[in-house]
Amino acid sequence: MFATRNRRRGWAGVAAAGALALALAACGGTATQDSGDGGGAGGAKTFSIGVTSYFVSHFTPGQSGGSNIDYAVFTPLTAVDSASGQARNAVAESIESEDNKVWTIKIKKGWTFHNGEEVTAQSFADSWNATAYGPNAMTNNYLFADFEGYADLNPAEGEPKTKTLSGVEVVDTHTLKVTLTKPLSLLPYILAQSTFAPMPKAAFTDLKAFDAKPIGNGPYQVTGEGRTTGATKITLQRYDKYAGELKGDAETVEVKSYQDEVAAYRDFQAGAVDVTLVGGNNLTNAATRYKDQLVQVPFPAVIYLGFPLWDKRFEDIKVRQAFSLAVDRDAIVKSLLRGFGQPAKGLAGSTIPGGGAQDCEFCSLDVARAKSLLAEAGGWSGPLKLWTYQDPVNTTILEAVSNQLRTNLGIETITTGTQPVDQLYPNLTAHKIDGPFLLYMGAGYPHLYALADQLFTKGSGTNVTGYDDEEFASLLRKAAAAEPDQAMGLAQEATRTAMAAVPLSPLFQPVGGLVHSKKLSNVTPEFLGGARIAAIKVN
């Protein structure tokens, strides 16, 4: 559905892990100074946050990756409560539908952009139309694929004859009417993404300039020059007229961008950064050095071993079952991840609403059963090659998996290969990869439906196993049309159906951490793992 229409999302599902996957990739790193006491100006209500460059690569809603910086600058119609996992209204006064296809959205009065302009229904319509309009080439364009009129803005050939979605109607100043091409009860969850944030009139005079220095409606505004070429710092200033509940404690926040989290953690140790994501060996180091200053972050994602269903060697389900049973997930998490991960018992961990179920029968180590199943399938002959995208931690994990398969299944010749992420996904989609593959997949929005849809729906850019099952598809369609409570149960049933076919084998749900200086408190993660900036208290 919304999270699967464009292959580029497939790459983003791994890299837009930018926030997520990079937390796993941050290995090693030492510093000459061990501070952790803070890098802000003395006495001022300010702090600094270290992020990877992905977090600040774009600010326009249609281009952004949904990082914690995006949510500091913009507030969409809804937000997902991290404790309950339920979608709640933010800028929206109400979101109602009788058939889950035609929706009436009432917008609260009193919201303003950072330039003082009122946030209206037109503000949302203009922003959405700009993203959905094909010639603008917005990264998140595909998220509007189920809005009526999307096809007209993205014709297969030629230029669009219109610039507006017929499924987005401004009824009055504070009312939107949204018409979808099919029922989707999870729209309130989807609208919580930063992609669906509003934009002011000033944005459309120069979208490129706006992308560098946005004018949002969130608790913090970008000041100074914004994002400039070669610059590694962006300053956020509290917007005192913010109409939302979480208004922000710090007067200013200095955002420092780094190529990777290793460098950000070094600066934290040197006292130049107050809070940053950590992972890999740095997470182990932080857990020891900054025990009382570390917040664990269970990511809404799964690391899995996918099977190429187009490869005749994996047509027999018993082969896939055998491979899954031959992997020691506990050893991988304990030895390679130093315990910072959750061995998978199912597709999704409990951090994803609807997740936490033990829906993977073959996700425990059982060497005897694995050997028996492989023998029943005719055994294995010849070499085997395993694949992943270029990433140091992935490579290490893949080597461990290859050793376990060699030992537990008796496959003597196993090699591993890597490709850049934007090369591997197209090759998987084109069925040019000749063996199982280790990949990362994060939920596009906080719901099990999102993860199942992304991984198992035919045509999804991130369904790279080739799985295609009508029973699964039917259950997911029913989930999309059902009321939220029923939708969750149907999404769980659909997930069980897909997992029973073993198109992939979940290995573990990744865990990262937020390490912060002693000057900060109430450091909590956003859904995607970054620190919730407006919630942070400066002591």
Protein backbone atom coordinates (compact mmCIF):
# COMPACT_ATOMS: atom_id res chain seq x y z
CA MET A 1 0.00 0.00 0.00
CA PHE A 2 1.37 3.43 0.97
CA ALA A 3 4.81 2.18 1.90
CA THR A 4 5.49 0.02 -1.11
CA ARG A 5 4.83 1.79 -4.38
CA ASN A 6 8.30 2.93 -5.32
CA ARG A 7 11.45 0.87 -5.50
CA ARG A 8 13.39 3.75 -4.02
CA ARG A 9 11.59 3.05 -0.77
CA GLY A 10 13.21 -0.34 -0.86
CA TRP A 11 16.59 1.29 -0.66
CA ALA A 12 15.39 3.75 1.94
CA GLY A 13 14.03 0.88 4.01
CA VAL A 14 17.62 -0.17 4.46
CA ALA A 15 19.40 3.13 4.39
CA ALA A 16 16.69 5.16 5.98
CA ALA A 17 17.64 3.10 8.49
CA GLY A 18 20.06 6.03 8.07
CA ALA A 19 18.88 6.60 11.55
CA LEU A 20 18.35 2.94 12.17
CA ALA A 21 20.79 0.80 10.27
CA LEU A 22 23.65 3.16 10.90
CA ALA A 23 23.16 2.55 14.59
CA LEU A 24 24.17 -1.03 13.87
CA ALA A 25 26.98 0.02 11.59
CA ALA A 26 28.71 2.23 14.15
CA CYS A 27 31.62 0.03 15.15
CA GLY A 28 34.75 0.92 17.05
CA GLY A 29 35.95 4.42 17.78
CA THR A 30 38.00 5.80 20.63
CA ALA A 31 38.61 9.30 21.87
CA THR A 32 41.46 11.03 23.60
CA GLN A 33 39.13 12.65 26.13
CA ASP A 34 36.31 11.01 28.11
CA SER A 35 33.81 13.65 29.13
CA GLY A 36 30.12 13.10 28.50
CA ASP A 37 29.46 16.18 30.63
CA GLY A 38 28.04 18.26 27.81
CA GLY A 39 29.03 20.64 25.07
CA GLY A 40 26.50 23.44 25.47
CA ALA A 41 27.13 27.01 26.58
CA GLY A 42 27.28 27.36 30.35
CA GLY A 43 24.01 28.45 31.95
CA ALA A 44 22.09 28.68 28.69
CA LYS A 45 19.03 26.58 27.94
CA THR A 46 20.74 24.87 25.04
CA PHE A 47 22.21 21.55 24.01
CA SER A 48 23.88 19.96 21.00
CA ILE A 49 22.84 16.81 19.20
CA GLY A 50 24.97 14.67 16.91
CA VAL A 51 23.30 13.09 13.89
CA THR A 52 24.42 11.42 10.68
CA SER A 53 24.18 13.57 7.56
CA TYR A 54 21.13 11.58 6.44
CA PHE A 55 19.09 13.27 9.17
CA VAL A 56 19.56 16.70 7.62
CA SER A 57 19.94 15.86 3.93
CA HIS A 58 16.45 17.26 3.18
CA PHE A 59 13.81 19.25 5.04
CA THR A 60 10.97 19.54 2.54
CA PRO A 61 8.27 17.07 3.71
CA GLY A 62 8.22 15.36 0.32
CA GLN A 63 11.97 14.82 0.49
CA SER A 64 12.61 14.22 4.18
CA GLY A 65 13.38 10.88 5.80
CA GLY A 66 11.24 11.26 8.90
CA SER A 67 14.10 11.93 11.32
CA ASN A 68 13.82 13.51 14.75
CA ILE A 69 15.03 16.78 13.21
CA ASP A 70 12.10 16.69 10.78
CA TYR A 71 9.66 16.23 13.66
CA ALA A 72 11.24 19.09 15.59
CA VAL A 73 10.62 21.42 12.63
CA PHE A 74 7.29 20.04 11.38
CA THR A 75 4.14 18.65 13.02
CA PRO A 76 1.82 16.53 10.82
CA LEU A 77 -1.90 15.96 11.35
CA THR A 78 -1.37 13.05 13.73
CA ALA A 79 1.30 11.52 15.93
CA VAL A 80 1.76 7.98 17.20
CA ASP A 81 1.95 7.66 20.97
CA SER A 82 5.12 5.69 21.78
CA ALA A 83 3.61 4.17 24.92
CA SER A 84 0.26 2.96 23.53
CA GLY A 85 1.18 2.65 19.87
CA GLN A 86 -2.05 4.44 19.00
CA ALA A 87 -2.42 7.27 16.50
CA ARG A 88 -3.64 10.49 18.11
CA ASN A 89 -4.50 13.88 16.72
CA ALA A 90 -1.85 16.60 16.54
CA VAL A 91 -2.80 19.40 14.13
CA ALA A 92 -5.98 17.48 13.31
CA GLU A 93 -9.10 18.16 15.37
CA SER A 94 -10.74 15.02 13.99
CA ILE A 95 -10.25 12.46 11.23
CA GLU A 96 -13.43 10.59 10.34
CA SER A 97 -14.72 8.21 7.68
CA GLU A 98 -17.76 5.98 7.27
CA ASP A 99 -16.15 3.68 4.71
CA ASN A 100 -12.36 4.16 5.27
CA LYS A 101 -12.16 5.47 1.73
CA VAL A 102 -13.59 9.00 1.93
CA TRP A 103 -12.21 10.91 4.91
CA THR A 104 -13.13 14.26 6.46
CA ILE A 105 -10.26 15.93 8.29
CA LYS A 106 -10.92 18.88 10.58
CA ILE A 107 -7.89 21.04 11.40
CA LYS A 108 -7.41 22.81 14.70
CA LYS A 109 -7.45 26.59 14.74
CA GLY A 110 -4.57 28.56 16.22
CA TRP A 111 -1.69 26.76 14.52
CA THR A 112 0.86 28.94 12.74
CA PHE A 113 4.01 28.48 10.72
CA HIS A 114 7.27 29.93 11.96
CA ASN A 115 6.72 33.00 9.76
CA GLY A 116 3.35 33.67 11.41
CA GLU A 117 1.19 32.37 8.54
CA GLU A 118 -1.88 30.40 9.66
CA VAL A 119 -1.84 26.64 9.12
CA THR A 120 -4.94 25.81 7.11
CA ALA A 121 -6.43 22.99 5.06
CA GLN A 122 -4.86 24.63 2.00
CA SER A 123 -1.43 24.40 3.64
CA PHE A 124 -1.75 20.61 3.72
CA ALA A 125 -3.27 20.38 0.24
CA ASP A 126 -0.48 22.48 -1.28
CA SER A 127 2.22 20.41 0.43
CA TRP A 128 0.67 17.08 -0.63
CA ASN A 129 0.12 18.20 -4.21
CA ALA A 130 3.73 19.31 -4.50
CA THR A 131 4.94 15.91 -3.32
CA ALA A 132 2.52 13.94 -5.50
CA TYR A 133 3.28 15.96 -8.65
CA GLY A 134 5.62 13.70 -10.65
CA PRO A 135 7.81 16.38 -12.31
CA ASN A 136 8.87 17.64 -8.86
CA ALA A 137 10.65 14.29 -8.39
CA MET A 138 10.06 14.21 -4.65
CA THR A 139 11.50 11.13 -2.95
CA ASN A 140 8.27 10.45 -1.03
CA ASN A 141 5.99 10.85 -4.05
CA TYR A 142 4.93 7.18 -3.88
CA LEU A 143 3.27 7.69 -0.50
CA PHE A 144 0.34 9.30 -2.30
CA ALA A 145 -0.21 6.38 -4.69
CA ASP A 146 -3.53 5.46 -3.07
CA PHE A 147 -4.94 8.99 -3.27
CA GLU A 148 -7.43 9.54 -6.07
CA GLY A 149 -5.80 11.47 -8.90
CA TYR A 150 -2.27 10.20 -8.25
CA ALA A 151 -2.10 8.54 -11.66
CA ASP A 152 -2.99 11.84 -13.35
CA LEU A 153 -0.02 13.52 -11.65
CA ASN A 154 2.28 10.64 -12.58
CA PRO A 155 1.38 9.50 -16.11
CA ALA A 156 3.38 6.69 -17.68
CA GLU A 157 4.20 8.97 -20.59
CA GLY A 158 4.24 12.71 -21.12
CA GLU A 159 3.63 15.56 -18.70
CA PRO A 160 0.73 15.65 -16.20
CA LYS A 161 -2.29 17.65 -17.34
CA THR A 162 -3.00 18.75 -13.78
CA LYS A 163 -0.97 19.68 -10.71
CA THR A 164 -3.47 18.78 -8.00
CA LEU A 165 -4.79 15.52 -6.56
CA SER A 166 -8.48 15.08 -7.29
CA GLY A 167 -8.67 13.12 -4.04
CA VAL A 168 -7.65 16.13 -1.92
CA GLU A 169 -10.38 18.75 -1.66
CA VAL A 170 -10.24 21.91 0.46
CA VAL A 171 -13.79 22.20 1.80
CA ASP A 172 -13.14 25.30 3.87
CA THR A 173 -10.31 26.97 5.76
CA HIS A 174 -10.05 24.18 8.32
CA THR A 175 -11.56 21.17 6.54
CA LEU A 176 -10.06 18.70 4.08
CA LYS A 177 -11.88 15.95 2.22
CA VAL A 178 -9.58 13.07 1.23
CA THR A 179 -10.69 10.34 -1.18
CA LEU A 180 -8.62 7.20 -1.61
CA THR A 181 -8.74 4.66 -4.41
CA LYS A 182 -9.51 1.89 -1.89
CA PRO A 183 -10.43 1.64 1.80
CA LEU A 184 -7.54 2.10 4.23
CA SER A 185 -8.39 2.26 7.91
CA LEU A 186 -4.77 2.98 8.85
CA LEU A 187 -4.75 6.42 7.25
CA PRO A 188 -4.44 8.17 10.67
CA TYR A 189 -1.19 6.23 11.27
CA ILE A 190 0.14 7.06 7.81
CA LEU A 191 -0.63 10.77 8.24
CA ALA A 192 1.75 10.84 11.23
CA GLN A 193 4.73 10.71 8.86
CA SER A 194 6.63 13.94 8.27
CA THR A 195 5.88 13.54 4.55
CA PHE A 196 2.30 14.67 5.29
CA ALA A 197 3.29 17.86 7.13
CA PRO A 198 2.01 21.20 5.78
CA MET A 199 4.01 23.88 3.97
CA PRO A 200 3.42 27.64 3.90
CA LYS A 201 2.86 29.72 0.76
CA ALA A 202 6.46 30.97 0.88
CA ALA A 203 7.73 27.43 0.19
CA PHE A 204 6.43 27.43 -3.35
CA THR A 205 8.34 30.49 -4.52
CA ASP A 206 11.58 28.46 -4.31
CA LEU A 207 11.29 24.81 -3.23
CA LYS A 208 15.07 24.33 -3.40
CA ALA A 209 15.72 27.20 -1.02
CA PHE A 210 12.94 25.98 1.25
CA ASP A 211 14.58 22.55 1.41
CA ALA A 212 17.71 24.15 2.85
CA LYS A 213 15.94 26.50 5.26
CA PRO A 214 12.37 25.34 5.87
CA ILE A 215 9.53 27.23 7.49
CA GLY A 216 7.72 24.63 9.53
CA ASN A 217 5.00 24.44 12.15
CA GLY A 218 6.88 22.40 14.74
CA PRO A 219 8.25 23.24 18.18
CA TYR A 220 11.58 24.40 16.73
CA GLN A 221 12.50 26.58 13.76
CA VAL A 222 15.64 26.60 11.64
CA THR A 223 17.60 29.82 12.09
CA GLY A 224 20.62 31.38 10.40
CA GLU A 225 21.40 30.15 6.89
CA GLY A 226 19.95 26.71 7.46
CA ARG A 227 21.67 23.87 5.63
CA THR A 228 24.49 25.12 3.42
CA THR A 229 27.00 23.26 1.26
CA GLY A 230 29.85 21.95 3.35
CA ALA A 231 28.37 23.15 6.65
CA THR A 232 28.13 20.63 9.48
CA LYS A 233 25.98 22.63 11.90
CA ILE A 234 22.36 23.78 11.90
CA THR A 235 20.80 25.82 14.67
CA LEU A 236 17.25 25.28 15.87
CA GLN A 237 15.44 27.90 17.95
CA ARG A 238 12.37 27.22 20.07
CA TYR A 239 9.17 28.52 18.46
CA ASP A 240 7.35 30.07 21.40
CA LYS A 241 4.02 30.29 19.54
CA TYR A 242 3.93 26.53 18.93
CA ALA A 243 0.35 25.30 19.36
CA GLY A 244 1.22 21.67 20.16
CA GLU A 245 1.46 20.01 23.56
CA LEU A 246 5.23 19.36 23.68
CA LYS A 247 6.68 22.85 23.35
CA GLY A 248 10.35 22.19 24.03
CA ASP A 249 12.52 23.07 27.02
CA ALA A 250 15.74 24.22 25.36
CA GLU A 251 15.86 27.71 23.87
CA THR A 252 18.25 26.58 21.13
CA VAL A 253 19.55 23.27 19.82
CA GLU A 254 22.74 22.93 17.82
CA VAL A 255 22.48 20.07 15.33
CA LYS A 256 25.90 18.71 14.32
CA SER A 257 26.03 16.35 11.34
CA TYR A 258 28.59 13.59 10.83
CA GLN A 259 29.36 11.06 8.13
CA ASP A 260 28.76 8.25 10.63
CA GLU A 261 27.90 7.66 14.25
CA VAL A 262 31.48 6.71 15.10
CA ALA A 263 32.53 10.34 14.63
CA ALA A 264 29.50 11.62 16.55
CA TYR A 265 30.32 9.35 19.48
CA ARG A 266 33.94 10.53 19.48
CA ASP A 267 32.71 14.11 19.80
CA PHE A 268 30.39 13.07 22.61
CA GLN A 269 33.32 11.55 24.49
CA ALA A 270 35.25 14.76 23.92
CA GLY A 271 32.40 16.80 25.41
CA ALA A 272 31.47 18.48 22.12
CA VAL A 273 28.05 16.80 21.76
CA ASP A 274 25.33 16.35 24.38
CA VAL A 275 23.30 13.53 22.86
CA THR A 276 23.71 11.10 19.97
CA LEU A 277 22.70 7.67 18.73
CA VAL A 278 25.25 4.89 19.30
CA GLY A 279 25.49 1.32 18.08
CA GLY A 280 27.86 -1.57 17.50
CA ASN A 281 31.02 -1.57 19.63
CA ASN A 282 30.33 2.03 20.63
CA LEU A 283 27.10 0.89 22.26
CA THR A 284 29.02 -1.61 24.36
CA ASN A 285 31.52 1.08 25.28
CA ALA A 286 28.77 3.55 26.19
CA ALA A 287 26.98 0.97 28.33
CA THR A 288 30.13 0.64 30.41
CA ARG A 289 31.33 4.24 30.52
CA TYR A 290 27.98 6.03 30.66
CA LYS A 291 25.71 3.48 32.29
CA ASP A 292 23.38 6.08 33.81
CA GLN A 293 23.45 8.24 30.67
CA LEU A 294 22.40 5.60 28.14
CA VAL A 295 18.84 5.00 26.92
CA GLN A 296 18.32 1.77 25.00
CA VAL A 297 16.43 2.15 21.72
CA PRO A 298 14.64 -0.94 20.36
CA PHE A 299 14.25 -0.18 16.65
CA PRO A 300 10.99 -0.96 14.78
CA ALA A 301 12.87 -3.20 12.38
CA VAL A 302 14.09 -6.69 11.62
CA ILE A 303 17.34 -8.10 10.28
CA TYR A 304 16.48 -11.13 8.18
CA LEU A 305 17.89 -13.77 5.86
CA GLY A 306 15.84 -13.68 2.66
CA PHE A 307 15.51 -16.61 0.27
CA PRO A 308 15.46 -16.18 -3.54
CA LEU A 309 12.23 -18.01 -4.36
CA TRP A 310 13.11 -17.82 -8.06
CA ASP A 311 16.16 -20.04 -7.37
CA LYS A 312 15.17 -23.69 -7.92
CA ARG A 313 17.42 -24.73 -5.02
CA PHE A 314 15.04 -22.91 -2.66
CA GLU A 315 11.72 -23.95 -4.20
CA ASP A 316 11.26 -26.71 -1.60
CA ILE A 317 10.05 -25.16 1.66
CA LYS A 318 12.02 -27.78 3.59
CA VAL A 319 15.25 -26.24 2.34
CA ARG A 320 14.20 -22.83 3.61
CA GLN A 321 13.07 -24.33 6.92
CA ALA A 322 16.39 -26.14 7.28
CA PHE A 323 18.41 -22.97 6.67
CA SER A 324 16.33 -21.07 9.24
CA LEU A 325 16.73 -23.78 11.88
CA ALA A 326 20.51 -23.91 11.31
CA VAL A 327 21.10 -20.30 12.41
CA ASP A 328 22.01 -19.64 16.06
CA ARG A 329 20.34 -16.28 16.69
CA ASP A 330 21.24 -16.20 20.37
CA ALA A 331 24.95 -16.57 19.57
CA ILE A 332 24.81 -13.76 17.01
CA VAL A 333 23.15 -11.36 19.45
CA LYS A 334 25.32 -12.33 22.40
CA SER A 335 28.70 -12.56 20.70
CA LEU A 336 28.52 -10.12 17.80
CA LEU A 337 26.06 -7.56 19.12
CA ARG A 338 27.14 -7.80 22.77
CA GLY A 339 23.52 -8.41 23.75
CA PHE A 340 22.18 -5.29 22.06
CA GLY A 341 19.50 -6.97 20.01
CA GLN A 342 16.58 -9.31 20.42
CA PRO A 343 16.83 -12.80 18.88
CA ALA A 344 13.85 -13.05 16.55
CA LYS A 345 10.94 -15.30 17.46
CA GLY A 346 8.76 -13.67 14.84
CA LEU A 347 8.75 -11.02 12.15
CA ALA A 348 8.22 -7.94 14.35
CA GLY A 349 9.33 -7.06 17.84
CA SER A 350 7.04 -5.57 20.47
CA THR A 351 8.23 -2.05 19.62
CA ILE A 352 5.96 -2.23 16.55
CA PRO A 353 2.22 -2.09 17.39
CA GLY A 354 0.89 -5.55 16.59
CA GLY A 355 4.34 -7.14 16.87
CA GLY A 356 5.84 -9.33 19.56
CA ALA A 357 4.17 -12.56 18.45
CA GLN A 358 6.14 -15.79 18.09
CA ASP A 359 4.98 -16.31 14.52
CA CYS A 360 8.18 -17.95 13.24
CA GLU A 361 8.12 -21.71 13.86
CA PHE A 362 11.61 -22.13 12.42
CA CYS A 363 13.41 -19.31 14.27
CA SER A 364 15.06 -21.46 16.92
CA LEU A 365 18.28 -23.44 16.61
CA ASP A 366 17.58 -27.13 15.96
CA VAL A 367 20.50 -28.71 14.11
CA ALA A 368 19.08 -32.25 14.05
CA ARG A 369 15.77 -31.13 12.58
CA ALA A 370 17.56 -28.86 10.11
CA LYS A 371 19.70 -31.71 8.81
CA SER A 372 16.66 -33.99 8.60
CA LEU A 373 14.62 -31.46 6.62
CA LEU A 374 17.47 -30.80 4.22
CA ALA A 375 17.91 -34.52 3.67
CA GLU A 376 14.16 -34.92 3.00
CA ALA A 377 14.48 -32.20 0.35
CA GLY A 378 17.25 -34.14 -1.39
CA GLY A 379 20.23 -32.60 0.38
CA TRP A 380 22.52 -29.88 -0.90
CA SER A 381 25.10 -30.12 -3.63
CA GLY A 382 27.49 -27.53 -4.94
CA PRO A 383 28.61 -24.13 -3.61
CA LEU A 384 26.48 -21.51 -1.90
CA LYS A 385 26.88 -17.73 -1.92
CA LEU A 386 25.32 -15.36 0.61
CA TRP A 387 24.78 -11.65 -0.05
CA THR A 388 24.27 -8.38 1.80
CA TYR A 389 24.68 -4.66 1.16
CA GLN A 390 27.96 -2.97 1.98
CA ASP A 391 28.09 -2.44 5.73
CA PRO A 392 30.76 -3.60 8.20
CA VAL A 393 28.37 -5.08 10.77
CA ASN A 394 26.27 -6.82 8.11
CA THR A 395 29.41 -8.37 6.69
CA THR A 396 30.41 -9.71 10.10
CA ILE A 397 26.96 -11.14 10.72
CA LEU A 398 26.86 -12.71 7.25
CA GLU A 399 30.19 -14.44 7.90
CA ALA A 400 28.80 -15.83 11.15
CA VAL A 401 25.70 -17.12 9.35
CA SER A 402 27.85 -18.74 6.67
CA ASN A 403 29.95 -20.50 9.32
CA GLN A 404 26.83 -21.76 11.07
CA LEU A 405 25.34 -23.10 7.82
CA ARG A 406 28.64 -24.75 6.96
CA THR A 407 28.86 -26.42 10.36
CA ASN A 408 25.20 -27.24 10.98
CA LEU A 409 24.14 -28.27 7.46
CA GLY A 410 27.42 -29.63 6.15
CA ILE A 411 27.58 -27.25 3.17
CA GLU A 412 31.31 -27.17 2.55
CA THR A 413 31.73 -24.33 0.05
CA ILE A 414 30.07 -21.09 1.18
CA THR A 415 31.22 -17.63 0.09
CA THR A 416 29.84 -14.15 0.78
CA GLY A 417 29.40 -11.10 -1.42
CA THR A 418 28.41 -7.46 -0.96
CA GLN A 419 27.02 -4.77 -3.22
CA PRO A 420 26.06 -1.12 -2.69
CA VAL A 421 22.48 -0.94 -1.44
CA ASP A 422 21.23 0.87 -4.55
CA GLN A 423 22.74 -1.90 -6.68
CA LEU A 424 21.71 -4.90 -4.59
CA TYR A 425 17.99 -4.09 -4.46
CA PRO A 426 17.57 -3.72 -8.25
CA ASN A 427 19.54 -6.93 -8.75
CA LEU A 428 17.30 -8.75 -6.30
CA THR A 429 14.20 -7.39 -8.00
CA ALA A 430 15.59 -8.52 -11.37
CA HIS A 431 16.36 -11.98 -9.89
CA LYS A 432 20.07 -11.60 -10.61
CA ILE A 433 21.23 -12.68 -7.14
CA ASP A 434 22.08 -16.36 -6.77
CA GLY A 435 21.70 -17.04 -3.05
CA PRO A 436 20.18 -15.97 0.29
CA PHE A 437 20.65 -12.35 1.36
CA LEU A 438 20.94 -10.54 4.69
CA LEU A 439 18.88 -7.35 4.81
CA TYR A 440 17.45 -4.76 7.17
CA MET A 441 13.80 -3.69 7.05
CA GLY A 442 12.25 -0.95 9.17
CA ALA A 443 8.51 -0.37 9.42
CA GLY A 444 7.42 2.62 7.32
CA TYR A 445 4.99 3.66 10.05
CA PRO A 446 4.12 2.30 13.51
CA HIS A 447 2.01 -0.73 12.63
CA LEU A 448 2.61 -4.40 11.87
CA TYR A 449 0.63 -3.87 8.65
CA ALA A 450 3.42 -1.63 7.35
CA LEU A 451 6.18 -4.22 7.84
CA ALA A 452 4.10 -7.08 6.42
CA ASP A 453 3.03 -4.97 3.45
CA GLN A 454 6.57 -3.87 2.69
CA LEU A 455 8.06 -7.36 2.85
CA PHE A 456 5.36 -9.61 1.41
CA THR A 457 3.07 -7.66 -0.96
CA LYS A 458 3.57 -8.40 -4.65
CA GLY A 459 4.97 -5.33 -6.38
CA SER A 460 6.49 -3.86 -3.23
CA GLY A 461 9.95 -2.43 -3.79
CA THR A 462 11.10 -4.19 -0.62
CA ASN A 463 9.53 -7.58 -1.36
CA VAL A 464 12.75 -8.94 -2.84
CA THR A 465 12.18 -12.63 -2.08
CA GLY A 466 9.54 -12.90 -4.81
CA TYR A 467 6.85 -14.02 -2.34
CA ASP A 468 3.35 -13.89 -3.88
CA ASP A 469 0.36 -15.44 -2.14
CA GLU A 470 -3.31 -14.62 -2.68
CA GLU A 471 -4.38 -15.67 0.82
CA PHE A 472 -1.90 -13.23 2.32
CA ALA A 473 -2.96 -10.49 -0.11
CA SER A 474 -6.64 -11.07 0.69
CA LEU A 475 -6.05 -10.83 4.44
CA LEU A 476 -4.05 -7.63 4.01
CA ARG A 477 -6.78 -6.09 1.84
CA LYS A 478 -9.31 -6.95 4.55
CA ALA A 479 -7.01 -5.39 7.14
CA ALA A 480 -6.80 -2.19 5.09
CA ALA A 481 -10.59 -1.95 4.88
CA ALA A 482 -11.35 -2.96 8.48
CA GLU A 483 -11.69 -0.80 11.56
CA PRO A 484 -8.40 -0.32 13.47
CA ASP A 485 -9.00 -3.03 16.09
CA GLN A 486 -9.95 -5.58 13.44
CA ALA A 487 -7.17 -4.38 11.16
CA MET A 488 -4.55 -5.33 13.74
CA GLY A 489 -5.85 -8.87 14.06
CA LEU A 490 -6.06 -9.31 10.30
CA ALA A 491 -2.54 -7.93 9.84
CA GLN A 492 -1.31 -10.47 12.40
CA GLU A 493 -3.13 -13.28 10.58
CA ALA A 494 -1.66 -12.16 7.27
CA THR A 495 1.81 -12.13 8.82
CA ARG A 496 1.38 -15.66 10.15
CA THR A 497 0.30 -16.79 6.68
CA ALA A 498 3.41 -15.31 5.07
CA MET A 499 5.76 -16.58 7.76
CA ALA A 500 4.42 -20.14 7.38
CA ALA A 501 5.76 -20.12 3.82
CA VAL A 502 9.25 -19.10 5.04
CA PRO A 503 10.14 -16.66 2.25
CA LEU A 504 12.57 -15.18 4.75
CA SER A 505 14.00 -16.00 8.16
CA PRO A 506 14.04 -13.23 10.81
CA LEU A 507 17.34 -13.21 12.71
CA PHE A 508 17.02 -10.42 15.26
CA GLN A 509 15.36 -7.11 16.06
CA PRO A 510 18.14 -4.49 16.38
CA VAL A 511 18.72 -2.35 19.44
CA GLY A 512 20.67 0.89 19.58
CA GLY A 513 21.15 3.53 22.23
CA LEU A 514 20.95 7.25 22.95
CA VAL A 515 23.86 8.44 25.05
CA HIS A 516 23.53 11.87 26.66
CA SER A 517 25.47 14.24 28.86
CA LYS A 518 24.69 14.80 32.52
CA LYS A 519 23.18 18.21 31.76
CA LEU A 520 20.23 16.53 30.00
CA SER A 521 17.29 14.51 31.29
CA ASN A 522 14.08 13.03 29.89
CA VAL A 523 15.93 11.74 26.82
CA THR A 524 13.45 9.51 25.00
CA PRO A 525 13.44 8.09 21.46
CA GLU A 526 11.17 8.86 18.54
CA PHE A 527 9.63 5.89 16.74
CA LEU A 528 12.63 5.67 14.40
CA GLY A 529 15.15 5.92 17.22
CA GLY A 530 16.41 9.51 17.26
CA ALA A 531 16.04 11.59 20.41
CA ARG A 532 12.69 13.38 20.77
CA ILE A 533 14.13 16.90 20.77
CA ALA A 534 11.19 18.78 22.28
CA ALA A 535 11.01 16.34 25.22
CA ILE A 536 14.63 16.82 26.35
CA LYS A 537 15.12 18.81 29.56
CA VAL A 538 18.21 20.94 30.14
CA ASN A 539 19.19 20.63 33.81
